[in-house]
Amino acid sequence: MHADPMLLAQIGKLPQNPGVYLFKDSKGKPLYIGKSKSIRDRVKQYFTVQSHLGKRTAELLSTTKKLDHIETETEFEALLLEADLIKRYRPQFNTQWKDDKRFLYIKICNAKYKQNQGITKTVENNIWPWVTVDRKPDDPRALYFGPFPNAQTVRIVLRLLRRAFPWCKYATPEQAKRAHKACFYSHIGLCSGICNNNPDLYLYWININQLVKFLSGKKETVVAYYKKKMDKASLTLRYEDAGLYRDTIEKLDYISQSFHSSYEYLTNTNLKEDIRAQEIIELFLSIGLTEPQDPHSIIIEGYDISNIGKDYTVGARVVFAGGDPDTSSYRRYKINHEKLPDDFAAMNEVLTRRLRKKDDLPDLLLIDGGKGQLSVVLDIAQKLEIKTPIVGLAKREETLVVYREGIYKEIKLPKRSGAVKLVQRIRDEAHRFAQNYHKLLRKKGFTL
């Protein structure tokens, strides 16, 4: 079987970012829906092992006439979006590959009681919630989230959620007592307390209620709730409780970063691009630049130095176009000077080699370092008459360093702003790219 040239051309245009991909027929009807942390790489796999294709996969590819995709901010969002799209379209090949099994749902048992009666009344009636997985969403007392295409996806979602919203595997304290032992999760801090002698049903419902809100796409509401609790605990000197609330907020950030619900992606398929545009606008305005008319065309270069001792010092350039990595424009620099480890000298060499060319200059240069590194690069730019804005990124809490009106100014970005997420991505990617090159050179040196 030979791949359709038109499909192969479409693969090259797919992004290497998290999201959902859709195989469609000639009428635009979804035949199969999947998710991946790299859309292009995953779809490409279908077309690079054609000699080993199974019967169903071969049939899918022969029927597919168009490839579509929706980018997401995180892989976790892609998991939830995939589930919602499968539920909406019921694609033929997703159903076939289930081997006639029903799709899986996350089930919050007895959650409808709370919705109808409120937490206080539910507690008075001694009704306990619990979290499980089910294939038949037919319990009128429960809330369901999904469907999910396979058990592995559900396990990933539940494992992530449990970090922020611990729950017990037992449905009631009575069931826990009959088991004569605490559940496994209580030993690793991921059980909310049913296994204890005196579990608090009211607090347990509060926890499950926040889980329901989060699964419904109301992350900001959940974060605001825990932040209010944290502030109140601090004011009343309950610092241990405040620390627990702070940890929960950090876990929510880890799970979803800037979480967006499936509904948002379904109503705006360009949501990812809109998010990136807003991040760029926030960054430019925060450092005193004019708001770009077309954020999607903005090019930002990030630079980092990596070394251990005087040997194998390297520099790295990463390029972000419209807020996303443009890996084809990355560049590695092997530092030529033979001095002791000197980040300033290394940064001088890297940026001199880059800016001398004066071609295809970016809209913004981001340097990993504070005032010292920034002053080195500014001197180079002045000598070469380069007008590109240059910003340093200090290591302490994402503080930007800029040079304005003859003085260096520090700008501390809001912790949850789009601008801080953008500079973090650029910094982390530059660091990763530099580290990988440094390790490669060291490995080659050790094997000589």
Protein backbone atom coordinates (compact mmCIF):
# COMPACT_ATOMS: atom_id res chain seq x y z
CA MET A 1 0.00 0.00 0.00
CA HIS A 2 1.34 3.43 -0.98
CA ALA A 3 0.51 6.53 1.06
CA ASP A 4 -1.54 9.29 -0.52
CA PRO A 5 0.93 12.09 -1.50
CA MET A 6 -1.61 14.70 -0.39
CA LEU A 7 -1.74 13.17 3.09
CA LEU A 8 2.06 13.06 3.29
CA ALA A 9 2.15 16.76 2.41
CA GLN A 10 -0.34 17.48 5.21
CA ILE A 11 1.81 15.62 7.75
CA GLY A 12 4.67 18.05 7.19
CA LYS A 13 2.41 20.93 8.22
CA LEU A 14 1.32 19.34 11.49
CA PRO A 15 2.82 20.84 14.68
CA GLN A 16 5.22 19.04 16.99
CA ASN A 17 3.16 20.04 20.01
CA PRO A 18 0.57 18.35 22.25
CA GLY A 19 -2.92 18.01 20.88
CA VAL A 20 -5.51 15.87 19.14
CA TYR A 21 -5.37 14.60 15.56
CA LEU A 22 -8.33 13.55 13.39
CA PHE A 23 -8.34 11.24 10.37
CA LYS A 24 -11.28 12.26 8.14
CA ASP A 25 -13.01 10.86 5.06
CA SER A 26 -13.75 12.72 1.82
CA LYS A 27 -16.82 14.39 3.41
CA GLY A 28 -14.89 15.62 6.44
CA LYS A 29 -16.38 13.03 8.81
CA PRO A 30 -13.94 11.89 11.54
CA LEU A 31 -12.89 8.27 11.10
CA TYR A 32 -10.41 8.12 13.95
CA ILE A 33 -9.38 10.50 16.75
CA GLY A 34 -6.19 10.23 18.76
CA LYS A 35 -3.96 12.34 21.00
CA SER A 36 -0.23 12.78 21.38
CA LYS A 37 2.38 15.01 22.98
CA SER A 38 3.72 15.53 19.43
CA ILE A 39 0.96 15.50 16.81
CA ARG A 40 3.27 15.33 13.80
CA ASP A 41 5.47 12.53 15.15
CA ARG A 42 2.47 10.39 16.11
CA VAL A 43 0.65 10.78 12.79
CA LYS A 44 3.87 10.19 10.88
CA GLN A 45 4.19 6.76 12.51
CA TYR A 46 1.07 5.57 10.70
CA PHE A 47 2.74 6.20 7.34
CA THR A 48 6.30 5.02 8.03
CA VAL A 49 5.63 1.38 8.95
CA GLN A 50 3.20 0.51 6.18
CA SER A 51 4.72 -2.90 5.48
CA HIS A 52 3.69 -3.96 9.00
CA LEU A 53 0.22 -2.45 9.08
CA GLY A 54 -2.63 -4.38 10.61
CA LYS A 55 -5.81 -4.91 8.62
CA ARG A 56 -7.77 -2.19 10.43
CA THR A 57 -4.97 0.37 10.24
CA ALA A 58 -4.57 -0.28 6.52
CA GLU A 59 -8.31 0.17 6.05
CA LEU A 60 -8.21 3.43 8.03
CA LEU A 61 -5.40 4.87 5.90
CA SER A 62 -7.04 3.82 2.64
CA THR A 63 -10.25 5.61 3.68
CA THR A 64 -8.61 8.75 5.09
CA LYS A 65 -8.61 11.74 2.74
CA LYS A 66 -7.83 14.55 5.15
CA LEU A 67 -5.85 15.13 8.35
CA ASP A 68 -6.95 17.66 10.92
CA HIS A 69 -5.74 18.63 14.37
CA ILE A 70 -6.37 20.80 17.42
CA GLU A 71 -3.34 21.95 19.41
CA THR A 72 -3.55 22.10 23.20
CA GLU A 73 -1.39 23.73 25.82
CA THR A 74 -0.63 20.47 27.64
CA GLU A 75 -0.81 16.73 27.13
CA PHE A 76 -3.34 16.53 29.98
CA GLU A 77 -5.69 18.84 28.08
CA ALA A 78 -5.21 16.66 25.00
CA LEU A 79 -6.36 13.62 27.02
CA LEU A 80 -9.61 15.33 28.01
CA LEU A 81 -10.20 16.84 24.57
CA GLU A 82 -9.72 13.46 22.89
CA ALA A 83 -12.36 11.98 25.20
CA ASP A 84 -14.86 14.76 24.43
CA LEU A 85 -14.31 14.53 20.67
CA ILE A 86 -14.78 10.76 20.67
CA LYS A 87 -17.97 11.20 22.68
CA ARG A 88 -19.23 13.82 20.21
CA TYR A 89 -18.38 12.09 16.90
CA ARG A 90 -18.20 8.37 17.77
CA PRO A 91 -15.62 7.72 15.01
CA GLN A 92 -15.91 4.40 13.23
CA PHE A 93 -12.36 3.21 13.85
CA ASN A 94 -12.21 4.26 17.49
CA THR A 95 -15.24 2.07 18.06
CA GLN A 96 -13.80 -0.87 16.10
CA TRP A 97 -10.52 -0.83 18.00
CA LYS A 98 -12.36 -1.13 21.29
CA ASP A 99 -13.19 -4.76 20.39
CA ASP A 100 -16.86 -4.10 21.11
CA LYS A 101 -16.14 -2.90 24.66
CA ARG A 102 -17.79 0.27 25.89
CA PHE A 103 -15.76 3.41 26.46
CA LEU A 104 -14.56 4.24 29.96
CA TYR A 105 -15.80 7.09 32.15
CA ILE A 106 -14.52 8.62 35.37
CA LYS A 107 -17.42 8.20 37.78
CA ILE A 108 -17.98 10.41 40.85
CA CYS A 109 -20.46 8.33 42.81
CA ASN A 110 -23.30 10.10 44.67
CA ALA A 111 -22.22 13.49 43.28
CA LYS A 112 -25.79 14.24 42.13
CA TYR A 113 -26.93 14.13 45.78
CA LYS A 114 -24.58 17.00 46.55
CA GLN A 115 -25.76 18.96 43.51
CA ASN A 116 -29.41 18.61 44.48
CA GLN A 117 -29.21 18.89 48.27
CA GLY A 118 -25.98 20.75 49.00
CA ILE A 119 -23.04 19.49 51.03
CA THR A 120 -24.55 20.06 54.49
CA LYS A 121 -27.71 18.04 53.79
CA THR A 122 -25.68 15.32 52.07
CA VAL A 123 -23.42 15.02 55.12
CA GLU A 124 -26.43 14.84 57.45
CA ASN A 125 -27.70 11.87 55.43
CA ASN A 126 -24.27 10.20 55.77
CA ILE A 127 -23.84 9.90 51.99
CA TRP A 128 -20.23 9.31 50.93
CA PRO A 129 -18.74 10.07 47.50
CA TRP A 130 -16.07 8.00 45.85
CA VAL A 131 -14.17 7.98 42.58
CA THR A 132 -14.13 5.00 40.27
CA VAL A 133 -14.21 3.99 36.60
CA ASP A 134 -17.26 2.66 34.76
CA ARG A 135 -18.24 1.68 31.23
CA LYS A 136 -21.96 2.37 31.63
CA PRO A 137 -22.88 5.98 32.50
CA ASP A 138 -26.31 4.97 33.76
CA ASP A 139 -26.26 5.77 37.49
CA PRO A 140 -28.60 8.77 38.05
CA ARG A 141 -26.86 9.55 41.35
CA ALA A 142 -23.39 9.89 39.80
CA LEU A 143 -21.53 12.39 37.64
CA TYR A 144 -19.52 11.08 34.68
CA PHE A 145 -16.54 12.55 32.84
CA GLY A 146 -15.43 11.11 29.52
CA PRO A 147 -15.62 8.88 27.64
CA PHE A 148 -11.97 7.89 27.49
CA PRO A 149 -10.77 5.63 24.67
CA ASN A 150 -8.77 3.19 26.79
CA ALA A 151 -7.83 2.22 30.33
CA GLN A 152 -4.31 3.63 30.04
CA THR A 153 -5.64 7.13 29.36
CA VAL A 154 -7.96 6.93 32.38
CA ARG A 155 -5.12 5.75 34.62
CA ILE A 156 -2.94 8.69 33.54
CA VAL A 157 -5.71 11.21 34.22
CA LEU A 158 -6.58 9.72 37.63
CA ARG A 159 -2.93 9.47 38.67
CA LEU A 160 -2.43 13.17 37.93
CA LEU A 161 -5.67 14.25 39.60
CA ARG A 162 -4.99 12.26 42.75
CA ARG A 163 -1.94 14.41 43.49
CA ALA A 164 -4.14 17.44 44.04
CA PHE A 165 -7.41 15.81 45.16
CA PRO A 166 -6.61 12.73 47.29
CA TRP A 167 -9.41 10.19 47.65
CA CYS A 168 -9.76 6.78 49.20
CA LYS A 169 -10.29 3.58 47.26
CA TYR A 170 -12.98 2.56 49.77
CA ALA A 171 -16.52 3.84 49.25
CA THR A 172 -17.35 4.23 52.97
CA PRO A 173 -15.62 3.94 56.36
CA GLU A 174 -17.58 0.73 56.95
CA GLN A 175 -16.04 -0.82 53.84
CA ALA A 176 -12.59 0.24 55.05
CA LYS A 177 -13.22 -1.38 58.44
CA ARG A 178 -14.32 -4.63 56.81
CA ALA A 179 -11.06 -4.68 54.86
CA HIS A 180 -9.15 -4.55 58.19
CA LYS A 181 -6.40 -2.43 56.67
CA ALA A 182 -5.77 1.05 55.32
CA CYS A 183 -5.73 1.46 51.56
CA PHE A 184 -2.42 1.62 49.72
CA TYR A 185 -2.79 5.34 48.98
CA SER A 186 -2.91 6.27 52.67
CA HIS A 187 0.73 5.17 52.97
CA ILE A 188 1.88 7.60 50.27
CA GLY A 189 -0.23 10.59 51.28
CA LEU A 190 -2.82 10.23 48.50
CA CYS A 191 -5.79 9.13 50.62
CA SER A 192 -8.01 11.83 52.07
CA GLY A 193 -8.75 10.04 55.29
CA ILE A 194 -11.56 7.46 55.09
CA CYS A 195 -9.02 4.91 56.30
CA ASN A 196 -8.55 6.91 59.53
CA ASN A 197 -10.65 6.26 62.61
CA ASN A 198 -12.53 9.58 62.48
CA PRO A 199 -12.87 10.71 58.86
CA ASP A 200 -14.49 14.11 58.29
CA LEU A 201 -17.26 13.62 55.71
CA TYR A 202 -17.80 17.36 55.24
CA LEU A 203 -14.14 18.03 54.36
CA TYR A 204 -14.12 14.96 52.13
CA TRP A 205 -17.08 16.33 50.16
CA ILE A 206 -15.33 19.71 49.85
CA ASN A 207 -12.33 17.93 48.32
CA ILE A 208 -14.45 15.88 45.88
CA ASN A 209 -16.43 18.99 44.97
CA GLN A 210 -13.21 20.75 43.92
CA LEU A 211 -12.31 17.69 41.84
CA VAL A 212 -15.67 17.91 40.04
CA LYS A 213 -15.14 21.61 39.32
CA PHE A 214 -11.66 20.95 37.98
CA LEU A 215 -12.86 18.19 35.66
CA SER A 216 -15.57 20.59 34.48
CA GLY A 217 -12.89 23.06 33.33
CA LYS A 218 -13.16 25.49 36.27
CA LYS A 219 -9.51 25.45 37.27
CA GLU A 220 -9.31 29.16 38.12
CA THR A 221 -12.28 28.80 40.48
CA VAL A 222 -10.57 25.91 42.25
CA VAL A 223 -7.25 27.77 42.54
CA ALA A 224 -9.03 30.85 43.89
CA TYR A 225 -10.74 28.69 46.53
CA TYR A 226 -7.47 27.20 47.80
CA LYS A 227 -5.71 30.57 47.67
CA LYS A 228 -8.42 32.08 49.86
CA LYS A 229 -8.04 29.19 52.31
CA MET A 230 -4.25 29.61 52.30
CA ASP A 231 -4.45 33.35 53.02
CA LYS A 232 -6.95 32.80 55.83
CA ALA A 233 -4.77 30.10 57.39
CA SER A 234 -1.73 32.41 57.27
CA LEU A 235 -3.63 35.25 58.94
CA THR A 236 -4.70 32.95 61.78
CA LEU A 237 -1.12 31.63 62.16
CA ARG A 238 -2.04 28.12 60.96
CA TYR A 239 1.10 27.91 58.88
CA GLU A 240 1.03 24.14 58.46
CA ASP A 241 -2.45 24.32 56.93
CA ALA A 242 -1.37 27.24 54.75
CA GLY A 243 1.52 25.13 53.48
CA LEU A 244 -0.83 22.30 52.55
CA TYR A 245 -3.07 24.67 50.57
CA ARG A 246 0.00 26.13 48.85
CA ASP A 247 1.14 22.62 47.90
CA THR A 248 -2.29 21.87 46.43
CA ILE A 249 -2.12 25.00 44.26
CA GLU A 250 1.34 24.01 43.03
CA LYS A 251 0.10 20.51 42.22
CA LEU A 252 -2.76 21.96 40.19
CA ASP A 253 -0.25 24.04 38.25
CA TYR A 254 1.87 20.93 37.69
CA ILE A 255 -1.11 18.93 36.45
CA SER A 256 -2.50 21.40 33.99
CA GLN A 257 -0.32 24.50 33.85
CA SER A 258 -2.74 26.90 32.09
CA PHE A 259 -5.70 24.52 32.02
CA HIS A 260 -8.38 25.06 29.40
CA SER A 261 -11.49 22.94 29.18
CA SER A 262 -12.42 20.80 26.19
CA TYR A 263 -15.36 23.14 25.60
CA GLU A 264 -12.96 26.05 25.05
CA TYR A 265 -11.00 24.08 22.45
CA LEU A 266 -14.16 22.88 20.71
CA THR A 267 -15.62 26.38 20.46
CA ASN A 268 -12.31 27.92 19.37
CA THR A 269 -10.05 25.58 17.41
CA ASN A 270 -7.44 28.39 17.26
CA LEU A 271 -7.32 28.69 21.05
CA LYS A 272 -3.67 27.63 21.23
CA GLU A 273 -2.67 30.36 18.76
CA ASP A 274 -4.72 32.94 20.66
CA ILE A 275 -2.99 31.96 23.91
CA ARG A 276 0.44 32.30 22.31
CA ALA A 277 -0.46 35.71 20.86
CA GLN A 278 -1.59 36.97 24.27
CA GLU A 279 1.64 35.73 25.89
CA ILE A 280 3.73 37.66 23.36
CA ILE A 281 1.67 40.83 23.81
CA GLU A 282 2.02 40.61 27.61
CA LEU A 283 5.78 40.14 27.34
CA PHE A 284 6.28 43.07 24.98
CA LEU A 285 4.16 45.42 27.07
CA SER A 286 5.83 44.34 30.33
CA ILE A 287 9.29 45.35 29.04
CA GLY A 288 8.09 48.66 27.62
CA LEU A 289 7.83 47.73 23.94
CA THR A 290 4.97 48.58 21.60
CA GLU A 291 2.25 45.95 21.28
CA PRO A 292 2.99 43.93 18.11
CA GLN A 293 0.35 44.17 15.40
CA ASP A 294 0.83 40.53 14.41
CA PRO A 295 2.05 38.49 17.42
CA HIS A 296 2.07 35.29 15.34
CA SER A 297 4.94 36.67 13.23
CA ILE A 298 7.12 37.64 16.21
CA ILE A 299 10.50 35.88 16.39
CA ILE A 300 12.28 35.56 19.75
CA GLU A 301 15.76 34.08 20.14
CA GLY A 302 16.93 32.64 23.46
CA TYR A 303 20.58 32.01 24.43
CA ASP A 304 22.24 29.89 27.11
CA ILE A 305 25.76 28.75 28.04
CA SER A 306 26.64 25.32 29.43
CA ASN A 307 29.99 24.22 30.90
CA ILE A 308 31.77 22.18 33.56
CA GLY A 309 35.34 23.33 33.99
CA LYS A 310 37.20 24.95 31.12
CA ASP A 311 36.54 22.12 28.67
CA TYR A 312 33.47 21.58 26.51
CA THR A 313 31.97 25.04 27.03
CA VAL A 314 29.10 25.47 24.58
CA GLY A 315 26.42 27.96 23.71
CA ALA A 316 22.96 27.41 22.30
CA ARG A 317 20.40 29.43 20.40
CA VAL A 318 16.74 28.49 20.31
CA VAL A 319 14.17 30.28 18.20
CA PHE A 320 10.49 30.72 19.01
CA ALA A 321 8.18 31.81 16.20
CA GLY A 322 4.76 33.00 17.30
CA GLY A 323 5.45 31.61 20.77
CA ASP A 324 6.34 28.06 19.68
CA PRO A 325 9.76 26.44 19.01
CA ASP A 326 11.13 26.63 15.47
CA THR A 327 13.66 23.81 15.76
CA SER A 328 14.90 24.24 12.19
CA SER A 329 16.48 27.56 13.26
CA TYR A 330 18.26 26.26 16.37
CA ARG A 331 22.04 26.66 16.47
CA ARG A 332 24.82 25.17 18.60
CA TYR A 333 28.09 27.00 19.33
CA LYS A 334 31.34 25.40 20.40
CA ILE A 335 33.25 28.03 22.37
CA ASN A 336 36.77 28.61 21.07
CA HIS A 337 38.39 30.59 23.90
CA GLU A 338 40.81 28.69 26.17
CA LYS A 339 40.27 30.65 29.37
CA LEU A 340 38.92 29.30 32.62
CA PRO A 341 35.13 28.91 32.76
CA ASP A 342 33.78 32.36 31.97
CA ASP A 343 30.09 32.71 31.11
CA PHE A 344 30.59 36.36 30.17
CA ALA A 345 33.34 35.57 27.66
CA ALA A 346 31.34 32.65 26.28
CA MET A 347 28.21 34.79 25.86
CA ASN A 348 30.36 37.46 24.20
CA GLU A 349 31.67 34.96 21.66
CA VAL A 350 28.27 33.44 20.89
CA LEU A 351 26.44 36.75 20.41
CA THR A 352 29.31 38.29 18.45
CA ARG A 353 29.22 35.40 16.00
CA ARG A 354 25.45 35.68 15.76
CA LEU A 355 25.02 39.45 15.46
CA ARG A 356 27.88 39.99 13.00
CA LYS A 357 25.71 38.43 10.32
CA LYS A 358 22.99 41.07 10.77
CA ASP A 359 20.61 38.96 8.70
CA ASP A 360 17.24 37.69 9.81
CA LEU A 361 17.50 39.44 13.14
CA PRO A 362 14.70 38.54 15.58
CA ASP A 363 12.19 40.88 17.17
CA LEU A 364 13.61 40.17 20.64
CA LEU A 365 16.74 38.60 22.15
CA LEU A 366 16.39 36.79 25.49
CA ILE A 367 19.65 36.13 27.39
CA ASP A 368 19.86 33.64 30.24
CA GLY A 369 21.49 35.80 32.90
CA GLY A 370 21.23 39.05 34.77
CA LYS A 371 22.90 42.44 34.55
CA GLY A 372 26.40 41.05 33.83
CA GLN A 373 25.45 38.94 30.83
CA LEU A 374 23.08 41.61 29.53
CA SER A 375 25.77 44.32 29.64
CA VAL A 376 28.10 42.11 27.58
CA VAL A 377 25.50 41.62 24.86
CA LEU A 378 24.46 45.28 24.87
CA ASP A 379 28.10 46.30 24.23
CA ILE A 380 28.23 43.98 21.22
CA ALA A 381 24.94 45.32 19.87
CA GLN A 382 26.12 48.91 20.25
CA LYS A 383 29.39 48.26 18.40
CA LEU A 384 27.56 46.49 15.57
CA GLU A 385 24.73 49.07 15.54
CA ILE A 386 22.08 46.44 16.26
CA LYS A 387 18.73 47.89 17.33
CA THR A 388 17.01 44.64 18.34
CA PRO A 389 15.62 44.81 21.92
CA ILE A 390 17.65 42.65 24.34
CA VAL A 391 16.43 41.35 27.69
CA GLY A 392 18.18 39.35 30.42
CA LEU A 393 16.41 36.69 32.45
CA ALA A 394 17.75 36.48 36.00
CA LYS A 395 17.52 33.11 37.73
CA ARG A 396 15.57 34.40 40.72
CA GLU A 397 11.83 34.04 40.22
CA GLU A 398 11.73 34.90 36.51
CA THR A 399 12.95 38.49 36.91
CA LEU A 400 13.62 40.27 33.62
CA VAL A 401 16.49 42.74 33.37
CA VAL A 402 16.27 45.60 30.85
CA TYR A 403 18.40 48.66 30.12
CA ARG A 404 16.37 51.86 29.91
CA GLU A 405 17.45 55.49 30.01
CA GLY A 406 20.97 54.70 31.17
CA ILE A 407 20.06 52.37 34.05
CA TYR A 408 19.35 48.68 34.50
CA LYS A 409 15.83 47.91 35.65
CA GLU A 410 14.42 44.69 37.05
CA ILE A 411 10.91 43.64 36.09
CA LYS A 412 9.28 40.89 38.11
CA LEU A 413 6.60 39.22 36.04
CA PRO A 414 3.34 38.09 37.68
CA LYS A 415 3.72 34.43 38.61
CA ARG A 416 0.70 33.25 36.60
CA SER A 417 0.99 35.62 33.65
CA GLY A 418 1.26 34.49 30.06
CA ALA A 419 4.52 36.42 29.73
CA VAL A 420 6.22 34.42 32.48
CA LYS A 421 5.13 31.13 30.89
CA LEU A 422 6.59 32.22 27.57
CA VAL A 423 10.00 33.22 28.96
CA GLN A 424 10.11 30.03 31.05
CA ARG A 425 9.55 27.91 27.94
CA ILE A 426 12.28 29.75 26.03
CA ARG A 427 14.75 29.59 28.93
CA ASP A 428 14.09 25.89 29.63
CA GLU A 429 14.38 24.98 25.95
CA ALA A 430 17.66 26.91 25.57
CA HIS A 431 19.00 25.22 28.69
CA ARG A 432 17.96 21.77 27.46
CA PHE A 433 19.49 22.33 24.02
CA ALA A 434 22.78 23.63 25.47
CA GLN A 435 23.00 20.81 28.01
CA ASN A 436 22.44 18.15 25.36
CA TYR A 437 25.25 19.55 23.20
CA HIS A 438 27.56 19.81 26.21
CA LYS A 439 26.88 16.16 27.15
CA LEU A 440 27.47 15.08 23.55
CA LEU A 441 30.91 16.72 23.44
CA ARG A 442 31.89 15.29 26.81
CA LYS A 443 30.83 11.82 25.70
CA LYS A 444 32.91 12.11 22.53
CA GLY A 445 35.87 13.34 24.58
CA PHE A 446 35.68 10.40 26.99
CA THR A 447 35.57 7.85 24.17
CA LEU A 448 38.63 9.18 22.32
